[in-house]
Amino acid sequence: MDLRGYYRKIRALEASLTEQHVVVCSEETPDGGKAGMFTEVPRETAAKLVVEGRARLATEEEAGEERKRAKAAFEAHREARTAKTQFSVIPDNELRAIKAAIKDQRSK
């Protein structure tokens, strides 16, 4: 394997990428890689994946759709997380009153 050529290709492709993060689409690989999976990665990683033949650069349309999907998933996760963390603070005197009321109902 020509390591100098390999790293030259990676550096050339990385220099041609203008964005800090790039959307790539995976290719099918003999070691079990699935084709068609979109991921946003740093341009260094994208260049390496493309040179190795594990992924291809996504088109602008595909990248836009993937970013919209990721943003929607992030917002849904944030909403779900926020909904689960709601709580109320009860002062001691009110808590004692509630406990007393429960105790009274159990004793009846």
N, C-alpha and C. Protein backbone atom coordinates (compact mmCIF):
# COMPACT_ATOMS: atom_id res chain seq x y z
N MET A 1 0.85 -1.19 0.00
CA MET A 1 0.00 0.00 0.00
C MET A 1 0.88 1.24 0.00
N ASP A 2 0.55 2.18 -0.86
CA ASP A 2 1.29 3.44 -0.96
C ASP A 2 0.73 4.42 0.07
N LEU A 3 1.37 4.50 1.24
CA LEU A 3 0.88 5.37 2.31
C LEU A 3 0.95 6.85 1.94
N ARG A 4 1.98 7.23 1.22
CA ARG A 4 2.09 8.64 0.83
C ARG A 4 0.93 9.04 -0.08
N GLY A 5 0.61 8.17 -1.03
CA GLY A 5 -0.52 8.45 -1.92
C GLY A 5 -1.84 8.48 -1.17
N TYR A 6 -1.99 7.55 -0.23
CA TYR A 6 -3.21 7.48 0.59
C TYR A 6 -3.42 8.79 1.34
N TYR A 7 -2.40 9.22 2.06
CA TYR A 7 -2.55 10.45 2.85
C TYR A 7 -2.62 11.69 1.96
N ARG A 8 -1.99 11.66 0.79
CA ARG A 8 -2.09 12.77 -0.16
C ARG A 8 -3.54 12.92 -0.62
N LYS A 9 -4.19 11.79 -0.92
CA LYS A 9 -5.60 11.82 -1.34
C LYS A 9 -6.49 12.37 -0.22
N ILE A 10 -6.23 11.93 1.01
CA ILE A 10 -7.03 12.42 2.15
C ILE A 10 -6.85 13.92 2.31
N ARG A 11 -5.62 14.41 2.28
CA ARG A 11 -5.37 15.85 2.45
C ARG A 11 -5.99 16.66 1.32
N ALA A 12 -5.91 16.15 0.09
CA ALA A 12 -6.48 16.86 -1.06
C ALA A 12 -8.00 16.96 -0.93
N LEU A 13 -8.63 15.85 -0.58
CA LEU A 13 -10.09 15.86 -0.43
C LEU A 13 -10.51 16.75 0.74
N GLU A 14 -9.78 16.67 1.85
CA GLU A 14 -10.09 17.51 3.01
C GLU A 14 -9.96 18.99 2.67
N ALA A 15 -8.97 19.35 1.88
CA ALA A 15 -8.79 20.75 1.48
C ALA A 15 -9.91 21.22 0.57
N SER A 16 -10.51 20.31 -0.18
CA SER A 16 -11.58 20.71 -1.10
C SER A 16 -12.92 20.88 -0.38
N LEU A 17 -13.04 20.33 0.82
CA LEU A 17 -14.29 20.46 1.58
C LEU A 17 -14.31 21.80 2.28
N THR A 18 -15.37 22.57 2.07
CA THR A 18 -15.43 23.93 2.62
C THR A 18 -16.06 24.00 4.00
N GLU A 19 -16.95 23.09 4.32
CA GLU A 19 -17.65 23.12 5.60
C GLU A 19 -16.86 22.39 6.67
N GLN A 20 -17.03 22.79 7.91
CA GLN A 20 -16.36 22.12 9.03
C GLN A 20 -16.91 20.71 9.24
N HIS A 21 -18.23 20.55 9.06
CA HIS A 21 -18.88 19.24 9.18
C HIS A 21 -19.56 18.91 7.87
N VAL A 22 -19.41 17.67 7.44
CA VAL A 22 -19.89 17.23 6.13
C VAL A 22 -20.82 16.03 6.32
N VAL A 23 -21.86 15.96 5.51
CA VAL A 23 -22.75 14.80 5.53
C VAL A 23 -22.24 13.79 4.52
N VAL A 24 -22.08 12.54 4.99
CA VAL A 24 -21.65 11.45 4.12
C VAL A 24 -22.71 10.37 4.11
N CYS A 25 -22.70 9.59 3.05
CA CYS A 25 -23.62 8.46 2.91
C CYS A 25 -22.77 7.19 2.87
N SER A 26 -23.07 6.25 3.73
CA SER A 26 -22.25 5.04 3.81
C SER A 26 -22.43 4.17 2.57
N GLU A 27 -21.41 3.41 2.30
CA GLU A 27 -21.42 2.44 1.20
C GLU A 27 -21.39 1.04 1.81
N GLU A 28 -21.86 0.06 1.08
CA GLU A 28 -21.80 -1.31 1.57
C GLU A 28 -20.34 -1.77 1.56
N THR A 29 -19.93 -2.41 2.65
CA THR A 29 -18.55 -2.89 2.75
C THR A 29 -18.54 -4.38 3.06
N PRO A 30 -17.44 -5.06 2.74
CA PRO A 30 -17.37 -6.51 3.00
C PRO A 30 -17.42 -6.86 4.49
N ASP A 31 -17.08 -5.91 5.35
CA ASP A 31 -17.08 -6.20 6.79
C ASP A 31 -18.41 -5.89 7.46
N GLY A 32 -19.47 -5.72 6.68
CA GLY A 32 -20.81 -5.57 7.24
C GLY A 32 -21.37 -4.16 7.21
N GLY A 33 -20.68 -3.21 6.61
CA GLY A 33 -21.19 -1.84 6.52
C GLY A 33 -22.45 -1.77 5.66
N LYS A 34 -23.44 -1.03 6.13
CA LYS A 34 -24.70 -0.90 5.40
C LYS A 34 -24.67 0.34 4.51
N ALA A 35 -25.21 0.22 3.34
CA ALA A 35 -25.26 1.33 2.40
C ALA A 35 -26.46 2.22 2.71
N GLY A 36 -26.31 3.53 2.47
CA GLY A 36 -27.43 4.45 2.57
C GLY A 36 -27.65 5.09 3.92
N MET A 37 -26.73 4.94 4.85
CA MET A 37 -26.86 5.56 6.16
C MET A 37 -26.18 6.93 6.12
N PHE A 38 -26.93 7.99 6.40
CA PHE A 38 -26.39 9.33 6.37
C PHE A 38 -25.89 9.74 7.75
N THR A 39 -24.73 10.40 7.78
CA THR A 39 -24.14 10.85 9.03
C THR A 39 -23.40 12.15 8.78
N GLU A 40 -23.45 13.05 9.76
CA GLU A 40 -22.69 14.29 9.68
C GLU A 40 -21.42 14.11 10.50
N VAL A 41 -20.28 14.28 9.85
CA VAL A 41 -18.98 14.04 10.49
C VAL A 41 -18.05 15.21 10.22
N PRO A 42 -16.95 15.35 11.00
CA PRO A 42 -15.95 16.37 10.70
C PRO A 42 -15.32 16.10 9.34
N ARG A 43 -14.85 17.14 8.70
CA ARG A 43 -14.35 16.96 7.32
C ARG A 43 -13.14 16.03 7.27
N GLU A 44 -12.32 15.97 8.33
CA GLU A 44 -11.19 15.05 8.35
C GLU A 44 -11.67 13.60 8.26
N THR A 45 -12.70 13.28 9.02
CA THR A 45 -13.27 11.94 9.01
C THR A 45 -13.93 11.65 7.68
N ALA A 46 -14.64 12.63 7.14
CA ALA A 46 -15.31 12.45 5.84
C ALA A 46 -14.29 12.13 4.76
N ALA A 47 -13.19 12.87 4.74
CA ALA A 47 -12.16 12.64 3.72
C ALA A 47 -11.61 11.22 3.83
N LYS A 48 -11.35 10.77 5.05
CA LYS A 48 -10.81 9.43 5.26
C LYS A 48 -11.81 8.36 4.81
N LEU A 49 -13.09 8.53 5.17
CA LEU A 49 -14.11 7.54 4.78
C LEU A 49 -14.28 7.46 3.27
N VAL A 50 -14.23 8.61 2.60
CA VAL A 50 -14.40 8.62 1.14
C VAL A 50 -13.20 7.97 0.46
N VAL A 51 -12.00 8.31 0.90
CA VAL A 51 -10.79 7.73 0.29
C VAL A 51 -10.76 6.22 0.49
N GLU A 52 -11.21 5.75 1.65
CA GLU A 52 -11.21 4.31 1.93
C GLU A 52 -12.36 3.58 1.23
N GLY A 53 -13.30 4.32 0.64
CA GLY A 53 -14.41 3.71 -0.07
C GLY A 53 -15.53 3.27 0.85
N ARG A 54 -15.53 3.73 2.08
CA ARG A 54 -16.57 3.35 3.04
C ARG A 54 -17.78 4.28 2.95
N ALA A 55 -17.63 5.45 2.33
CA ALA A 55 -18.73 6.41 2.23
C ALA A 55 -18.52 7.27 1.00
N ARG A 56 -19.56 8.00 0.65
CA ARG A 56 -19.48 8.99 -0.41
C ARG A 56 -20.02 10.30 0.15
N LEU A 57 -19.64 11.40 -0.45
CA LEU A 57 -20.17 12.68 -0.01
C LEU A 57 -21.63 12.78 -0.42
N ALA A 58 -22.46 13.25 0.46
CA ALA A 58 -23.88 13.41 0.16
C ALA A 58 -24.08 14.64 -0.72
N THR A 59 -25.10 14.59 -1.56
CA THR A 59 -25.43 15.75 -2.38
C THR A 59 -25.97 16.85 -1.46
N GLU A 60 -26.06 18.06 -1.97
CA GLU A 60 -26.58 19.17 -1.16
C GLU A 60 -28.01 18.89 -0.70
N GLU A 61 -28.80 18.30 -1.58
CA GLU A 61 -30.19 17.97 -1.24
C GLU A 61 -30.24 16.92 -0.12
N GLU A 62 -29.43 15.86 -0.26
CA GLU A 62 -29.38 14.82 0.76
C GLU A 62 -28.89 15.38 2.09
N ALA A 63 -27.87 16.24 2.02
CA ALA A 63 -27.33 16.84 3.25
C ALA A 63 -28.38 17.71 3.94
N GLY A 64 -29.13 18.49 3.15
CA GLY A 64 -30.18 19.33 3.73
C GLY A 64 -31.25 18.50 4.41
N GLU A 65 -31.67 17.40 3.77
CA GLU A 65 -32.68 16.52 4.35
C GLU A 65 -32.16 15.87 5.64
N GLU A 66 -30.90 15.43 5.63
CA GLU A 66 -30.32 14.80 6.83
C GLU A 66 -30.23 15.79 7.98
N ARG A 67 -29.85 17.01 7.69
CA ARG A 67 -29.75 18.02 8.76
C ARG A 67 -31.13 18.37 9.31
N LYS A 68 -32.14 18.42 8.44
CA LYS A 68 -33.52 18.66 8.92
C LYS A 68 -33.98 17.51 9.80
N ARG A 69 -33.69 16.28 9.39
CA ARG A 69 -34.07 15.11 10.16
C ARG A 69 -33.37 15.12 11.52
N ALA A 70 -32.09 15.43 11.53
CA ALA A 70 -31.34 15.45 12.78
C ALA A 70 -31.85 16.55 13.71
N LYS A 71 -32.19 17.70 13.14
CA LYS A 71 -32.71 18.80 13.96
C LYS A 71 -34.06 18.42 14.56
N ALA A 72 -34.92 17.78 13.77
CA ALA A 72 -36.23 17.36 14.28
C ALA A 72 -36.06 16.33 15.39
N ALA A 73 -35.14 15.39 15.22
CA ALA A 73 -34.90 14.38 16.25
C ALA A 73 -34.36 15.02 17.52
N PHE A 74 -33.49 16.00 17.37
CA PHE A 74 -32.94 16.70 18.53
C PHE A 74 -34.04 17.44 19.28
N GLU A 75 -34.91 18.14 18.55
CA GLU A 75 -36.01 18.87 19.18
C GLU A 75 -36.97 17.92 19.89
N ALA A 76 -37.27 16.78 19.26
CA ALA A 76 -38.17 15.81 19.89
C ALA A 76 -37.54 15.26 21.17
N HIS A 77 -36.25 15.00 21.14
CA HIS A 77 -35.55 14.51 22.33
C HIS A 77 -35.57 15.56 23.43
N ARG A 78 -35.34 16.81 23.06
CA ARG A 78 -35.34 17.89 24.06
C ARG A 78 -36.72 18.03 24.68
N GLU A 79 -37.77 17.96 23.87
CA GLU A 79 -39.14 18.05 24.39
C GLU A 79 -39.44 16.91 25.35
N ALA A 80 -39.06 15.70 24.97
CA ALA A 80 -39.32 14.54 25.82
C ALA A 80 -38.55 14.64 27.13
N ARG A 81 -37.33 15.09 27.05
CA ARG A 81 -36.51 15.23 28.26
C ARG A 81 -37.07 16.31 29.17
N THR A 82 -37.51 17.41 28.60
CA THR A 82 -38.07 18.50 29.38
C THR A 82 -39.38 18.07 30.04
N ALA A 83 -40.20 17.34 29.32
CA ALA A 83 -41.49 16.90 29.86
C ALA A 83 -41.29 15.95 31.03
N LYS A 84 -40.24 15.18 31.04
CA LYS A 84 -40.01 14.20 32.09
C LYS A 84 -39.42 14.82 33.36
N THR A 85 -38.88 16.01 33.28
CA THR A 85 -38.18 16.57 34.43
C THR A 85 -38.99 17.61 35.19
N GLN A 86 -40.30 17.61 35.03
CA GLN A 86 -41.12 18.56 35.76
C GLN A 86 -41.35 18.05 37.17
N PHE A 87 -41.24 18.94 38.15
CA PHE A 87 -41.47 18.57 39.53
C PHE A 87 -42.00 19.77 40.29
N SER A 88 -42.50 19.50 41.47
CA SER A 88 -43.05 20.56 42.32
C SER A 88 -42.36 20.51 43.68
N VAL A 89 -42.18 21.67 44.29
CA VAL A 89 -41.60 21.75 45.62
C VAL A 89 -42.75 22.00 46.60
N ILE A 90 -42.83 21.15 47.61
CA ILE A 90 -43.89 21.27 48.61
C ILE A 90 -43.25 21.69 49.94
N PRO A 91 -43.74 22.75 50.55
CA PRO A 91 -43.20 23.15 51.86
C PRO A 91 -43.46 22.07 52.91
N ASP A 92 -42.63 22.03 53.96
CA ASP A 92 -42.74 21.02 55.00
C ASP A 92 -44.13 20.94 55.63
N ASN A 93 -44.70 22.11 55.94
CA ASN A 93 -46.01 22.09 56.62
C ASN A 93 -47.09 21.47 55.73
N GLU A 94 -47.04 21.72 54.42
CA GLU A 94 -48.02 21.11 53.52
C GLU A 94 -47.79 19.61 53.40
N LEU A 95 -46.52 19.19 53.37
CA LEU A 95 -46.20 17.77 53.28
C LEU A 95 -46.72 17.04 54.52
N ARG A 96 -46.52 17.63 55.69
CA ARG A 96 -47.03 17.02 56.92
C ARG A 96 -48.56 16.90 56.89
N ALA A 97 -49.22 17.93 56.37
CA ALA A 97 -50.68 17.90 56.28
C ALA A 97 -51.14 16.80 55.34
N ILE A 98 -50.45 16.61 54.23
CA ILE A 98 -50.81 15.56 53.28
C ILE A 98 -50.61 14.19 53.91
N LYS A 99 -49.46 14.00 54.59
CA LYS A 99 -49.20 12.73 55.25
C LYS A 99 -50.24 12.42 56.32
N ALA A 100 -50.62 13.44 57.08
CA ALA A 100 -51.63 13.27 58.13
C ALA A 100 -52.97 12.87 57.51
N ALA A 101 -53.34 13.50 56.39
CA ALA A 101 -54.61 13.18 55.73
C ALA A 101 -54.60 11.75 55.22
N ILE A 102 -53.47 11.30 54.68
CA ILE A 102 -53.37 9.92 54.18
C ILE A 102 -53.47 8.95 55.36
N LYS A 103 -52.79 9.28 56.45
CA LYS A 103 -52.82 8.42 57.63
C LYS A 103 -54.24 8.32 58.19
N ASP A 104 -54.96 9.44 58.21
CA ASP A 104 -56.34 9.44 58.69
C ASP A 104 -57.24 8.56 57.81
N GLN A 105 -57.04 8.63 56.49
CA GLN A 105 -57.87 7.82 55.58
C GLN A 105 -57.58 6.34 55.75
N ARG A 106 -56.33 5.97 56.00
CA ARG A 106 -55.97 4.56 56.17
C ARG A 106 -56.54 3.99 57.47
N SER A 107 -56.63 4.84 58.49
CA SER A 107 -57.11 4.36 59.79
C SER A 107 -58.63 4.19 59.84
N LYS A 108 -59.33 4.73 58.88
CA LYS A 108 -60.81 4.62 58.85
C LYS A 108 -61.26 3.28 58.43
